[in-house]
C-alpha atoms as a PDB file:
ATOM      1  CA  UNK A   1      87.215  31.876  95.826  1.00  0.00           C
ATOM      2  CA  UNK A   2      84.917  30.468  98.471  1.00  0.00           C
ATOM      3  CA  UNK A   3      83.287  33.165 100.887  1.00  0.00           C
ATOM      4  CA  UNK A   4      85.563  33.567 104.352  1.00  0.00           C
ATOM      5  CA  UNK A   5      82.475  35.298 106.758  1.00  0.00           C
ATOM      6  CA  UNK A   6      83.957  38.213 108.890  1.00  0.00           C
ATOM      7  CA  UNK A   7      82.915  38.786 112.935  1.00  0.00           C
ATOM      8  CA  UNK A   8      80.015  41.377 113.088  1.00  0.00           C
ATOM      9  CA  UNK A   9      81.615  44.842 113.308  1.00  0.00           C
ATOM     10  CA  UNK A  10      80.022  45.814 116.802  1.00  0.00           C
ATOM     11  CA  UNK A  11      81.559  42.464 118.472  1.00  0.00           C
ATOM     12  CA  UNK A  12      84.846  43.872 117.012  1.00  0.00           C
ATOM     13  CA  UNK A  13      84.423  47.299 118.433  1.00  0.00           C
ATOM     14  CA  UNK A  14      83.562  45.612 121.772  1.00  0.00           C
ATOM     15  CA  UNK A  15      86.692  43.440 121.584  1.00  0.00           C
ATOM     16  CA  UNK A  16      89.535  43.194 118.710  1.00  0.00           C
ATOM     17  CA  UNK A  17      89.403  46.907 117.788  1.00  0.00           C
ATOM     18  CA  UNK A  18      90.325  48.255 121.169  1.00  0.00           C
ATOM     19  CA  UNK A  19      94.071  46.767 120.359  1.00  0.00           C
ATOM     20  CA  UNK A  20      96.581  49.727 119.054  1.00  0.00           C
ATOM     21  CA  UNK A  21      97.502  46.846 116.793  1.00  0.00           C
ATOM     22  CA  UNK A  22      94.810  46.578 115.544  1.00  0.00           C
ATOM     23  CA  UNK A  23      93.797  50.565 114.954  1.00  0.00           C
ATOM     24  CA  UNK A  24      94.702  50.316 111.120  1.00  0.00           C
ATOM     25  CA  UNK A  25      90.722  48.961 110.544  1.00  0.00           C
ATOM     26  CA  UNK A  26      89.466  51.754 112.382  1.00  0.00           C
ATOM     27  CA  UNK A  27      91.700  53.900 110.040  1.00  0.00           C
ATOM     28  CA  UNK A  28      90.602  52.870 106.974  1.00  0.00           C
ATOM     29  CA  UNK A  29      86.908  53.109 108.060  1.00  0.00           C
ATOM     30  CA  UNK A  30      87.536  56.987 108.957  1.00  0.00           C
ATOM     31  CA  UNK A  31      89.361  57.441 106.086  1.00  0.00           C
ATOM     32  CA  UNK A  32      86.907  56.492 103.873  1.00  0.00           C
ATOM     33  CA  UNK A  33      83.828  58.567 105.873  1.00  0.00           C
ATOM     34  CA  UNK A  34      85.995  61.389 106.152  1.00  0.00           C
ATOM     35  CA  UNK A  35      87.905  61.716 103.203  1.00  0.00           C
ATOM     36  CA  UNK A  36      90.750  62.199 104.923  1.00  0.00           C
ATOM     37  CA  UNK A  37      94.082  60.378 105.871  1.00  0.00           C
ATOM     38  CA  UNK A  38      93.091  59.827 109.433  1.00  0.00           C
ATOM     39  CA  UNK A  39      95.706  58.147 112.238  1.00  0.00           C
ATOM     40  CA  UNK A  40      93.801  56.975 115.527  1.00  0.00           C
ATOM     41  CA  UNK A  41      96.168  57.791 118.524  1.00  0.00           C
ATOM     42  CA  UNK A  42      94.555  55.845 121.145  1.00  0.00           C
ATOM     43  CA  UNK A  43      90.970  55.136 122.281  1.00  0.00           C
ATOM     44  CA  UNK A  44      89.044  56.528 125.138  1.00  0.00           C
ATOM     45  CA  UNK A  45      85.827  55.146 127.093  1.00  0.00           C
ATOM     46  CA  UNK A  46      82.607  56.834 125.897  1.00  0.00           C
ATOM     47  CA  UNK A  47      79.359  57.808 127.620  1.00  0.00           C
ATOM     48  CA  UNK A  48      77.590  54.668 126.681  1.00  0.00           C
ATOM     49  CA  UNK A  49      79.785  52.191 127.685  1.00  0.00           C
ATOM     50  CA  UNK A  50      76.866  50.279 129.939  1.00  0.00           C
ATOM     51  CA  UNK A  51      76.221  46.903 131.524  1.00  0.00           C
ATOM     52  CA  UNK A  52      72.516  47.293 131.814  1.00  0.00           C
ATOM     53  CA  UNK A  53      71.118  43.647 130.006  1.00  0.00           C
ATOM     54  CA  UNK A  54      69.434  45.779 127.020  1.00  0.00           C
ATOM     55  CA  UNK A  55      71.847  48.705 126.451  1.00  0.00           C
ATOM     56  CA  UNK A  56      74.787  46.311 126.356  1.00  0.00           C
ATOM     57  CA  UNK A  57      73.444  44.340 122.924  1.00  0.00           C
ATOM     58  CA  UNK A  58      71.677  47.396 121.635  1.00  0.00           C
ATOM     59  CA  UNK A  59      73.969  49.870 121.466  1.00  0.00           C
ATOM     60  CA  UNK A  60      77.751  49.491 121.171  1.00  0.00           C
ATOM     61  CA  UNK A  61      80.154  52.320 120.915  1.00  0.00           C
ATOM     62  CA  UNK A  62      84.420  53.022 121.118  1.00  0.00           C
ATOM     63  CA  UNK A  63      85.538  56.899 121.233  1.00  0.00           C
ATOM     64  CA  UNK A  64      88.829  57.637 119.722  1.00  0.00           C
ATOM     65  CA  UNK A  65      91.728  60.477 119.375  1.00  0.00           C
ATOM     66  CA  UNK A  66      93.125  60.821 116.005  1.00  0.00           C
ATOM     67  CA  UNK A  67      96.420  62.784 115.162  1.00  0.00           C
ATOM     68  CA  UNK A  68      94.510  66.320 115.325  1.00  0.00           C
ATOM     69  CA  UNK A  69      93.612  65.990 118.809  1.00  0.00           C
ATOM     70  CA  UNK A  70      89.915  65.184 117.522  1.00  0.00           C
ATOM     71  CA  UNK A  71      87.288  63.117 119.778  1.00  0.00           C
ATOM     72  CA  UNK A  72      85.521  60.666 117.305  1.00  0.00           C
ATOM     73  CA  UNK A  73      82.465  58.499 118.752  1.00  0.00           C
ATOM     74  CA  UNK A  74      81.869  56.011 116.795  1.00  0.00           C
ATOM     75  CA  UNK A  75      78.505  54.518 117.496  1.00  0.00           C
ATOM     76  CA  UNK A  76      76.128  50.992 116.312  1.00  0.00           C
ATOM     77  CA  UNK A  77      73.002  50.811 117.116  1.00  0.00           C
ATOM     78  CA  UNK A  78      70.466  47.864 116.607  1.00  0.00           C
ATOM     79  CA  UNK A  79      67.298  49.545 117.364  1.00  0.00           C
ATOM     80  CA  UNK A  80      65.072  52.488 117.403  1.00  0.00           C
ATOM     81  CA  UNK A  81      64.677  55.027 120.266  1.00  0.00           C
ATOM     82  CA  UNK A  82      62.462  57.572 120.178  1.00  0.00           C
ATOM     83  CA  UNK A  83      65.008  60.276 121.800  1.00  0.00           C
ATOM     84  CA  UNK A  84      67.758  59.005 119.650  1.00  0.00           C
ATOM     85  CA  UNK A  85      68.897  62.607 118.327  1.00  0.00           C
ATOM     86  CA  UNK A  86      68.870  64.381 121.586  1.00  0.00           C
ATOM     87  CA  UNK A  87      70.926  60.918 122.671  1.00  0.00           C
ATOM     88  CA  UNK A  88      74.030  62.047 120.392  1.00  0.00           C
ATOM     89  CA  UNK A  89      73.327  65.312 121.122  1.00  0.00           C
ATOM     90  CA  UNK A  90      74.321  65.059 124.797  1.00  0.00           C
ATOM     91  CA  UNK A  91      76.923  62.736 123.985  1.00  0.00           C
ATOM     92  CA  UNK A  92      78.450  64.904 122.265  1.00  0.00           C
ATOM     93  CA  UNK A  93      78.292  67.409 124.504  1.00  0.00           C
ATOM     94  CA  UNK A  94      79.365  65.525 126.975  1.00  0.00           C
ATOM     95  CA  UNK A  95      82.734  64.696 125.590  1.00  0.00           C
ATOM     96  CA  UNK A  96      82.927  68.761 124.981  1.00  0.00           C
ATOM     97  CA  UNK A  97      82.524  69.210 128.311  1.00  0.00           C
ATOM     98  CA  UNK A  98      84.302  66.755 130.265  1.00  0.00           C
ATOM     99  CA  UNK A  99      87.894  67.634 128.337  1.00  0.00           C
ATOM    100  CA  UNK A 100      87.956  70.768 129.120  1.00  0.00           C
ATOM    101  CA  UNK A 101      89.405  71.807 132.049  1.00  0.00           C
ATOM    102  CA  UNK A 102      88.310  74.890 134.724  1.00  0.00           C
ATOM    103  CA  UNK A 103      90.126  77.969 133.950  1.00  0.00           C
ATOM    104  CA  UNK A 104      90.953  76.845 130.342  1.00  0.00           C
ATOM    105  CA  UNK A 105      90.245  79.037 127.536  1.00  0.00           C
ATOM    106  CA  UNK A 106      87.798  77.914 125.533  1.00  0.00           C
ATOM    107  CA  UNK A 107      90.112  78.221 122.231  1.00  0.00           C
ATOM    108  CA  UNK A 108      90.890  74.518 124.100  1.00  0.00           C
ATOM    109  CA  UNK A 109      87.873  73.274 123.179  1.00  0.00           C
ATOM    110  CA  UNK A 110      87.825  69.447 121.718  1.00  0.00           C
ATOM    111  CA  UNK A 111      86.332  69.150 118.379  1.00  0.00           C
ATOM    112  CA  UNK A 112      83.979  66.324 118.283  1.00  0.00           C
ATOM    113  CA  UNK A 113      82.795  64.124 115.025  1.00  0.00           C
ATOM    114  CA  UNK A 114      80.047  61.627 116.253  1.00  0.00           C
ATOM    115  CA  UNK A 115      79.693  58.823 113.795  1.00  0.00           C
ATOM    116  CA  UNK A 116      76.227  56.224 114.215  1.00  0.00           C
ATOM    117  CA  UNK A 117      75.879  53.021 112.451  1.00  0.00           C
ATOM    118  CA  UNK A 118      72.465  52.219 112.348  1.00  0.00           C
ATOM    119  CA  UNK A 119      70.211  48.893 111.499  1.00  0.00           C
ATOM    120  CA  UNK A 120      67.509  50.619 111.665  1.00  0.00           C
ATOM    121  CA  UNK A 121      65.170  53.214 109.973  1.00  0.00           C
ATOM    122  CA  UNK A 122      65.540  56.655 111.972  1.00  0.00           C
ATOM    123  CA  UNK A 123      63.347  58.635 109.525  1.00  0.00           C
ATOM    124  CA  UNK A 124      62.223  58.652 106.169  1.00  0.00           C
ATOM    125  CA  UNK A 125      64.972  59.898 103.400  1.00  0.00           C
ATOM    126  CA  UNK A 126      66.412  58.042 100.091  1.00  0.00           C
ATOM    127  CA  UNK A 127      70.214  58.557 101.223  1.00  0.00           C
ATOM    128  CA  UNK A 128      71.762  55.855 103.107  1.00  0.00           C
ATOM    129  CA  UNK A 129      74.423  58.669 104.900  1.00  0.00           C
ATOM    130  CA  UNK A 130      73.128  61.801 106.048  1.00  0.00           C
ATOM    131  CA  UNK A 131      75.220  64.322 107.476  1.00  0.00           C
ATOM    132  CA  UNK A 132      74.880  67.620 109.951  1.00  0.00           C
ATOM    133  CA  UNK A 133      76.644  70.526 111.267  1.00  0.00           C
ATOM    134  CA  UNK A 134      76.359  73.858 112.738  1.00  0.00           C
ATOM    135  CA  UNK A 135      76.544  76.663 109.775  1.00  0.00           C
ATOM    136  CA  UNK A 136      74.536  80.320 110.541  1.00  0.00           C
ATOM    137  CA  UNK A 137      73.126  81.947 107.846  1.00  0.00           C
ATOM    138  CA  UNK A 138      71.793  85.310 106.940  1.00  0.00           C
ATOM    139  CA  UNK A 139      68.100  85.160 107.943  1.00  0.00           C
ATOM    140  CA  UNK A 140      67.199  87.270 104.558  1.00  0.00           C
ATOM    141  CA  UNK A 141      70.016  86.617 102.288  1.00  0.00           C
ATOM    142  CA  UNK A 142      70.673  83.168 103.319  1.00  0.00           C
ATOM    143  CA  UNK A 143      74.092  83.791 102.671  1.00  0.00           C
ATOM    144  CA  UNK A 144      76.784  82.231 105.089  1.00  0.00           C
ATOM    145  CA  UNK A 145      78.539  84.628 107.970  1.00  0.00           C
ATOM    146  CA  UNK A 146      82.236  84.546 107.333  1.00  0.00           C
ATOM    147  CA  UNK A 147      84.249  84.509 110.185  1.00  0.00           C
ATOM    148  CA  UNK A 148      88.239  85.399 110.472  1.00  0.00           C
ATOM    149  CA  UNK A 149      90.838  84.724 112.714  1.00  0.00           C
ATOM    150  CA  UNK A 150      93.789  86.631 113.500  1.00  0.00           C
ATOM    151  CA  UNK A 151      96.859  84.321 113.275  1.00  0.00           C
ATOM    152  CA  UNK A 152     100.678  85.395 113.965  1.00  0.00           C
ATOM    153  CA  UNK A 153     102.935  85.214 111.399  1.00  0.00           C
ATOM    154  CA  UNK A 154     106.171  87.014 113.204  1.00  0.00           C
ATOM    155  CA  UNK A 155     106.690  89.395 115.828  1.00  0.00           C
ATOM    156  CA  UNK A 156     105.360  92.422 113.904  1.00  0.00           C
ATOM    157  CA  UNK A 157     102.930  90.325 110.990  1.00  0.00           C
ATOM    158  CA  UNK A 158      99.584  89.034 111.271  1.00  0.00           C
ATOM    159  CA  UNK A 159      97.216  87.201 109.209  1.00  0.00           C
ATOM    160  CA  UNK A 160      93.282  86.693 109.071  1.00  0.00           C
ATOM    161  CA  UNK A 161      92.248  83.439 107.856  1.00  0.00           C
ATOM    162  CA  UNK A 162      88.825  82.554 107.426  1.00  0.00           C
ATOM    163  CA  UNK A 163      87.546  79.788 109.292  1.00  0.00           C
ATOM    164  CA  UNK A 164      85.620  76.798 108.928  1.00  0.00           C
ATOM    165  CA  UNK A 165      83.421  76.842 111.612  1.00  0.00           C
ATOM    166  CA  UNK A 166      81.204  74.144 111.032  1.00  0.00           C
ATOM    167  CA  UNK A 167      84.080  71.896 110.468  1.00  0.00           C
ATOM    168  CA  UNK A 168      86.584  73.471 113.210  1.00  0.00           C
ATOM    169  CA  UNK A 169      84.637  74.122 116.026  1.00  0.00           C
ATOM    170  CA  UNK A 170      81.008  72.574 116.253  1.00  0.00           C
ATOM    171  CA  UNK A 171      80.404  68.974 116.334  1.00  0.00           C
ATOM    172  CA  UNK A 172      79.886  67.127 113.345  1.00  0.00           C
ATOM    173  CA  UNK A 173      77.043  64.190 112.974  1.00  0.00           C
ATOM    174  CA  UNK A 174      77.028  61.375 110.280  1.00  0.00           C
ATOM    175  CA  UNK A 175      74.158  58.550 110.193  1.00  0.00           C
ATOM    176  CA  UNK A 176      74.844  55.605 108.549  1.00  0.00           C
ATOM    177  CA  UNK A 177      71.502  53.696 107.325  1.00  0.00           C
ATOM    178  CA  UNK A 178      73.354  50.099 107.247  1.00  0.00           C
ATOM    179  CA  UNK A 179      69.948  48.507 105.484  1.00  0.00           C
ATOM    180  CA  UNK A 180      69.101  51.353 103.000  1.00  0.00           C
ATOM    181  CA  UNK A 181      72.253  50.369 101.315  1.00  0.00           C
ATOM    182  CA  UNK A 182      71.660  49.266  97.902  1.00  0.00           C
ATOM    183  CA  UNK A 183      75.111  47.043  97.129  1.00  0.00           C
ATOM    184  CA  UNK A 184      76.180  49.805  94.464  1.00  0.00           C
ATOM    185  CA  UNK A 185      79.837  50.747  95.388  1.00  0.00           C
ATOM    186  CA  UNK A 186      80.840  53.971  93.953  1.00  0.00           C
ATOM    187  CA  UNK A 187      83.399  55.267  96.810  1.00  0.00           C
ATOM    188  CA  UNK A 188      85.329  53.711  99.519  1.00  0.00           C
ATOM    189  CA  UNK A 189      83.252  54.070 102.312  1.00  0.00           C
ATOM    190  CA  UNK A 190      80.831  52.071 100.193  1.00  0.00           C
ATOM    191  CA  UNK A 191      83.266  49.240 100.395  1.00  0.00           C
ATOM    192  CA  UNK A 192      82.880  49.213 104.109  1.00  0.00           C
ATOM    193  CA  UNK A 193      79.531  50.164 104.410  1.00  0.00           C
ATOM    194  CA  UNK A 194      79.128  46.774 102.274  1.00  0.00           C
ATOM    195  CA  UNK A 195      81.435  44.992 104.897  1.00  0.00           C
ATOM    196  CA  UNK A 196      78.907  46.018 107.953  1.00  0.00           C
ATOM    197  CA  UNK A 197      75.925  44.943 106.321  1.00  0.00           C
ATOM    198  CA  UNK A 198      77.064  41.551 104.923  1.00  0.00           C
ATOM    199  CA  UNK A 199      79.922  40.940 106.610  1.00  0.00           C
ATOM    200  CA  UNK A 200      82.010  40.270 104.048  1.00  0.00           C
ATOM    201  CA  UNK A 201      84.468  41.985 102.031  1.00  0.00           C
ATOM    202  CA  UNK A 202      84.827  40.697  98.184  1.00  0.00           C
ATOM    203  CA  UNK A 203      88.540  40.665  96.914  1.00  0.00           C
ATOM    204  CA  UNK A 204      88.138  43.251  94.597  1.00  0.00           C
ATOM    205  CA  UNK A 205      87.786  45.824  97.460  1.00  0.00           C
ATOM    206  CA  UNK A 206      90.946  48.030  97.356  1.00  0.00           C
ATOM    207  CA  UNK A 207      89.892  51.195  99.416  1.00  0.00           C
ATOM    208  CA  UNK A 208      92.456  51.846 102.411  1.00  0.00           C
ATOM    209  CA  UNK A 209      93.316  49.230 104.579  1.00  0.00           C
ATOM    210  CA  UNK A 210      90.000  47.126 103.501  1.00  0.00           C
ATOM    211  CA  UNK A 211      92.598  44.132 103.121  1.00  0.00           C
ATOM    212  CA  UNK A 212      93.797  44.288 106.794  1.00  0.00           C
ATOM    213  CA  UNK A 213      89.807  44.454 107.708  1.00  0.00           C
ATOM    214  CA  UNK A 214      89.627  41.211 105.854  1.00  0.00           C
ATOM    215  CA  UNK A 215      92.265  39.896 107.224  1.00  0.00           C
ATOM    216  CA  UNK A 216      91.641  41.038 111.143  1.00  0.00           C
ATOM    217  CA  UNK A 217      87.879  40.053 111.216  1.00  0.00           C
ATOM    218  CA  UNK A 218      87.926  36.361 109.802  1.00  0.00           C
ATOM    219  CA  UNK A 219      85.753  34.097 111.782  1.00  0.00           C
ATOM    220  CA  UNK A 220      87.814  31.401 111.693  1.00  0.00           C
ATOM    221  CA  UNK A 221      90.865  33.511 113.689  1.00  0.00           C
ATOM    222  CA  UNK A 222      88.605  33.188 116.730  1.00  0.00           C
ATOM    223  CA  UNK A 223      89.856  30.799 119.843  1.00  0.00           C
ATOM    224  CA  UNK A 224      87.503  28.223 120.817  1.00  0.00           C
ATOM    225  CA  UNK A 225      86.599  30.922 124.206  1.00  0.00           C
ATOM    226  CA  UNK A 226      86.335  33.756 121.927  1.00  0.00           C
ATOM    227  CA  UNK A 227      84.221  32.091 119.602  1.00  0.00           C
ATOM    228  CA  UNK A 228      81.581  30.713 122.447  1.00  0.00           C
ATOM    229  CA  UNK A 229      81.338  34.103 123.648  1.00  0.00           C
ATOM    230  CA  UNK A 230      80.966  35.854 120.393  1.00  0.00           C
ATOM    231  CA  UNK A 231      78.172  33.227 119.836  1.00  0.00           C
ATOM    232  CA  UNK A 232      76.392  34.243 123.202  1.00  0.00           C
ATOM    233  CA  UNK A 233      76.668  37.930 122.430  1.00  0.00           C
ATOM    234  CA  UNK A 234      75.119  37.089 118.413  1.00  0.00           C
ATOM    235  CA  UNK A 235      72.467  34.935 120.671  1.00  0.00           C
ATOM    236  CA  UNK A 236      71.337  37.851 123.258  1.00  0.00           C
ATOM    237  CA  UNK A 237      71.475  40.617 120.551  1.00  0.00           C
ATOM    238  CA  UNK A 238      68.890  38.822 118.451  1.00  0.00           C
ATOM    239  CA  UNK A 239      66.630  38.253 121.322  1.00  0.00           C
ATOM    240  CA  UNK A 240      67.033  41.927 122.170  1.00  0.00           C
ATOM    241  CA  UNK A 241      65.971  43.040 118.589  1.00  0.00           C
ATOM    242  CA  UNK A 242      63.219  40.561 118.743  1.00  0.00           C
ATOM    243  CA  UNK A 243      61.603  41.958 122.218  1.00  0.00           C
ATOM    244  CA  UNK A 244      59.353  44.483 120.466  1.00  0.00           C
ATOM    245  CA  UNK A 245      58.379  42.333 117.271  1.00  0.00           C
ATOM    246  CA  UNK A 246      57.470  39.323 119.584  1.00  0.00           C
ATOM    247  CA  UNK A 247      55.360  41.872 122.072  1.00  0.00           C
ATOM    248  CA  UNK A 248      53.554  42.562 118.731  1.00  0.00           C
ATOM    249  CA  UNK A 249      53.346  39.075 117.411  1.00  0.00           C
ATOM    250  CA  UNK A 250      51.819  38.174 120.571  1.00  0.00           C
ATOM    251  CA  UNK A 251      49.320  41.111 121.043  1.00  0.00           C
ATOM    252  CA  UNK A 252      47.726  40.106 117.896  1.00  0.00           C
ATOM    253  CA  UNK A 253      47.828  36.347 118.010  1.00  0.00           C
ATOM    254  CA  UNK A 254      45.648  37.249 121.539  1.00  0.00           C
ATOM    255  CA  UNK A 255      43.523  39.526 119.820  1.00  0.00           C
ATOM    256  CA  UNK A 256      42.757  37.299 116.876  1.00  0.00           C
ATOM    257  CA  UNK A 257      42.062  34.297 119.548  1.00  0.00           C
ATOM    258  CA  UNK A 258      39.835  36.497 121.164  1.00  0.00           C
ATOM    259  CA  UNK A 259      38.287  37.401 118.234  1.00  0.00           C
ATOM    260  CA  UNK A 260      37.458  34.351 117.070  1.00  0.00           C
ATOM    261  CA  UNK A 261      35.628  33.146 120.069  1.00  0.00           C
ATOM    262  CA  UNK A 262      33.374  35.917 120.282  1.00  0.00           C
ATOM    263  CA  UNK A 263      32.649  35.842 117.007  1.00  0.00           C
ATOM    264  CA  UNK A 264      31.476  32.327 116.936  1.00  0.00           C
ATOM    265  CA  UNK A 265      29.268  33.199 120.146  1.00  0.00           C
ATOM    266  CA  UNK A 266      27.640  35.604 118.953  1.00  0.00           C
ATOM    267  CA  UNK A 267      27.612  33.942 115.150  1.00  0.00           C
ATOM    268  CA  UNK A 268      25.527  31.265 116.857  1.00  0.00           C
ATOM    269  CA  UNK A 269      22.885  33.604 118.802  1.00  0.00           C
ATOM    270  CA  UNK A 270      22.310  35.718 115.542  1.00  0.00           C
ATOM    271  CA  UNK A 271      22.262  32.025 113.958  1.00  0.00           C
ATOM    272  CA  UNK A 272      19.543  31.181 115.793  1.00  0.00           C
ATOM    273  CA  UNK A 273      17.671  34.026 114.696  1.00  0.00           C
ATOM    274  CA  UNK A 274      18.152  34.762 111.184  1.00  0.00           C
ATOM    275  CA  UNK A 275      19.753  31.649 110.380  1.00  0.00           C
ATOM    276  CA  UNK A 276      23.079  29.927 110.313  1.00  0.00           C
ATOM    277  CA  UNK A 277      24.411  31.000 107.069  1.00  0.00           C
ATOM    278  CA  UNK A 278      23.877  34.703 108.037  1.00  0.00           C
ATOM    279  CA  UNK A 279      24.874  34.213 111.309  1.00  0.00           C
ATOM    280  CA  UNK A 280      28.009  32.729 111.064  1.00  0.00           C
ATOM    281  CA  UNK A 281      28.847  35.601 108.291  1.00  0.00           C
ATOM    282  CA  UNK A 282      28.085  38.125 110.939  1.00  0.00           C
ATOM    283  CA  UNK A 283      29.940  36.523 113.432  1.00  0.00           C
ATOM    284  CA  UNK A 284      32.713  36.321 111.914  1.00  0.00           C
ATOM    285  CA  UNK A 285      32.849  39.734 110.229  1.00  0.00           C
ATOM    286  CA  UNK A 286      32.381  41.089 113.787  1.00  0.00           C
ATOM    287  CA  UNK A 287      34.604  38.517 115.249  1.00  0.00           C
ATOM    288  CA  UNK A 288      37.547  40.032 113.276  1.00  0.00           C
ATOM    289  CA  UNK A 289      36.905  43.592 114.480  1.00  0.00           C
ATOM    290  CA  UNK A 290      36.546  42.916 117.605  1.00  0.00           C
ATOM    291  CA  UNK A 291      39.590  40.860 117.328  1.00  0.00           C
ATOM    292  CA  UNK A 292      41.858  43.312 115.582  1.00  0.00           C
ATOM    293  CA  UNK A 293      40.818  45.748 118.175  1.00  0.00           C
ATOM    294  CA  UNK A 294      42.096  43.741 121.001  1.00  0.00           C
ATOM    295  CA  UNK A 295      45.042  42.437 119.291  1.00  0.00           C
ATOM    296  CA  UNK A 296      46.482  46.191 118.636  1.00  0.00           C
ATOM    297  CA  UNK A 297      45.131  47.104 122.214  1.00  0.00           C
ATOM    298  CA  UNK A 298      47.122  43.998 123.799  1.00  0.00           C
ATOM    299  CA  UNK A 299      50.078  45.261 121.292  1.00  0.00           C
ATOM    300  CA  UNK A 300      50.274  48.798 122.219  1.00  0.00           C
ATOM    301  CA  UNK A 301      50.520  47.308 126.077  1.00  0.00           C
ATOM    302  CA  UNK A 302      53.363  44.894 125.334  1.00  0.00           C
ATOM    303  CA  UNK A 303      55.478  47.353 123.677  1.00  0.00           C
ATOM    304  CA  UNK A 304      54.764  50.204 126.262  1.00  0.00           C
ATOM    305  CA  UNK A 305      55.270  47.769 129.265  1.00  0.00           C
ATOM    306  CA  UNK A 306      58.725  46.865 127.264  1.00  0.00           C
ATOM    307  CA  UNK A 307      59.568  50.656 127.187  1.00  0.00           C
ATOM    308  CA  UNK A 308      58.773  51.946 130.045  1.00  0.00           C
ATOM    309  CA  UNK A 309      58.330  48.885 132.571  1.00  0.00           C
ATOM    310  CA  UNK A 310      55.396  48.336 134.534  1.00  0.00           C
ATOM    311  CA  UNK A 311      52.486  50.940 133.554  1.00  0.00           C
ATOM    312  CA  UNK A 312      50.020  52.819 135.827  1.00  0.00           C
ATOM    313  CA  UNK A 313      46.554  51.479 136.420  1.00  0.00           C
ATOM    314  CA  UNK A 314      45.534  54.541 134.816  1.00  0.00           C
ATOM    315  CA  UNK A 315      47.155  54.435 131.837  1.00  0.00           C
ATOM    316  CA  UNK A 316      46.518  50.639 131.495  1.00  0.00           C
ATOM    317  CA  UNK A 317      42.623  51.664 132.533  1.00  0.00           C
ATOM    318  CA  UNK A 318      42.655  54.438 129.372  1.00  0.00           C
ATOM    319  CA  UNK A 319      44.192  52.203 126.807  1.00  0.00           C
ATOM    320  CA  UNK A 320      41.763  49.317 127.475  1.00  0.00           C
ATOM    321  CA  UNK A 321      38.868  51.619 127.288  1.00  0.00           C
ATOM    322  CA  UNK A 322      39.560  52.832 123.905  1.00  0.00           C
ATOM    323  CA  UNK A 323      36.660  51.287 121.095  1.00  0.00           C
ATOM    324  CA  UNK A 324      37.797  53.350 118.184  1.00  0.00           C
ATOM    325  CA  UNK A 325      40.333  51.242 115.961  1.00  0.00           C
ATOM    326  CA  UNK A 326      41.574  54.170 114.271  1.00  0.00           C
ATOM    327  CA  UNK A 327      42.093  56.198 117.950  1.00  0.00           C
ATOM    328  CA  UNK A 328      44.269  52.925 118.677  1.00  0.00           C
ATOM    329  CA  UNK A 329      46.265  53.362 115.692  1.00  0.00           C
ATOM    330  CA  UNK A 330      46.727  56.827 115.910  1.00  0.00           C
ATOM    331  CA  UNK A 331      48.391  56.112 119.676  1.00  0.00           C
ATOM    332  CA  UNK A 332      50.698  53.370 118.698  1.00  0.00           C
ATOM    333  CA  UNK A 333      52.565  55.850 115.987  1.00  0.00           C
ATOM    334  CA  UNK A 334      52.432  58.912 118.277  1.00  0.00           C
ATOM    335  CA  UNK A 335      53.672  56.622 121.374  1.00  0.00           C
ATOM    336  CA  UNK A 336      57.204  56.041 119.757  1.00  0.00           C
ATOM    337  CA  UNK A 337      57.905  60.071 120.830  1.00  0.00           C
ATOM    338  CA  UNK A 338      56.873  59.623 124.321  1.00  0.00           C
ATOM    339  CA  UNK A 339      59.637  59.992 127.128  1.00  0.00           C
ATOM    340  CA  UNK A 340      58.061  58.651 129.934  1.00  0.00           C
ATOM    341  CA  UNK A 341      54.769  57.480 131.335  1.00  0.00           C
ATOM    342  CA  UNK A 342      53.292  61.145 132.267  1.00  0.00           C
ATOM    343  CA  UNK A 343      53.554  62.475 128.738  1.00  0.00           C
ATOM    344  CA  UNK A 344      51.996  59.283 127.251  1.00  0.00           C
ATOM    345  CA  UNK A 345      49.072  59.618 129.722  1.00  0.00           C
ATOM    346  CA  UNK A 346      48.744  63.414 128.654  1.00  0.00           C
ATOM    347  CA  UNK A 347      48.865  61.986 125.092  1.00  0.00           C
ATOM    348  CA  UNK A 348      45.900  59.511 125.597  1.00  0.00           C
ATOM    349  CA  UNK A 349      43.562  61.620 127.578  1.00  0.00           C
ATOM    350  CA  UNK A 350      43.985  64.550 125.267  1.00  0.00           C
END
């Protein structure tokens, strides 16, 4: 059977999946991931629904409330952010605080689950789904803390039930790295990750509502107007993802060109003194070395300008003054941990 292309899931979240008639697609994904029969009641606006040029293509999310009153943030992230985990924490905390009115009992706190679908490598690991939750364990015994809650069963009778505090109270986090998925299907959630990775659903997939997703996400079902908007979104998404890579490539190219020029000039000078052959060899070597250094500096400056806007003159001066290639490489690596220019300057000068 001919492969039928599906629309990207991030576009679906921005558009058709917000329609109540299409909640079953989200229910299928959530049921497979959480291993529970999830029913979506409604969709709410979440903290990252912004219209800034970069964020609207880099990050797309949706927040749903299920039949148990649990709030679930489903987020699709296309490129790396140095403070990504901190932002996830901020997102779940914001939902908790905003949904508890002043004067309400803390027992009314909303349960929040954060689900991140990532198209970048957040860290090192050999899995494609990671789970995080809060658990209290003994500092010396490493045994979990057992917490019980008193439940009334009649006017005079009570029963104490053990609580799973990580799942009942504190936020839970699921990190799905789509690119690490090896296309081997071992469970229901693997079918959905395959769809996220390939924009395709093979005929033999059988998880809950996967067939409905195949029908509702078909590219051919789009109207002409919808297709134009979708194509525009794809172009802008690719452009956004290529921004850092383009800056890196331009920096390296500029450095190589400058290095070749310097190498030839120095090679000619040395060639006059020690012979054309020796001069060219040494000139080329020096050109490559200096070209590599200049290229790395240009790449670093372009990347930092893309992240922080215009850099201060002091930062530019300090970076351009670097002469050790190993020091430049180390700065490129460590700069991704910086949150602002002040922290970046401190890293350079120390």
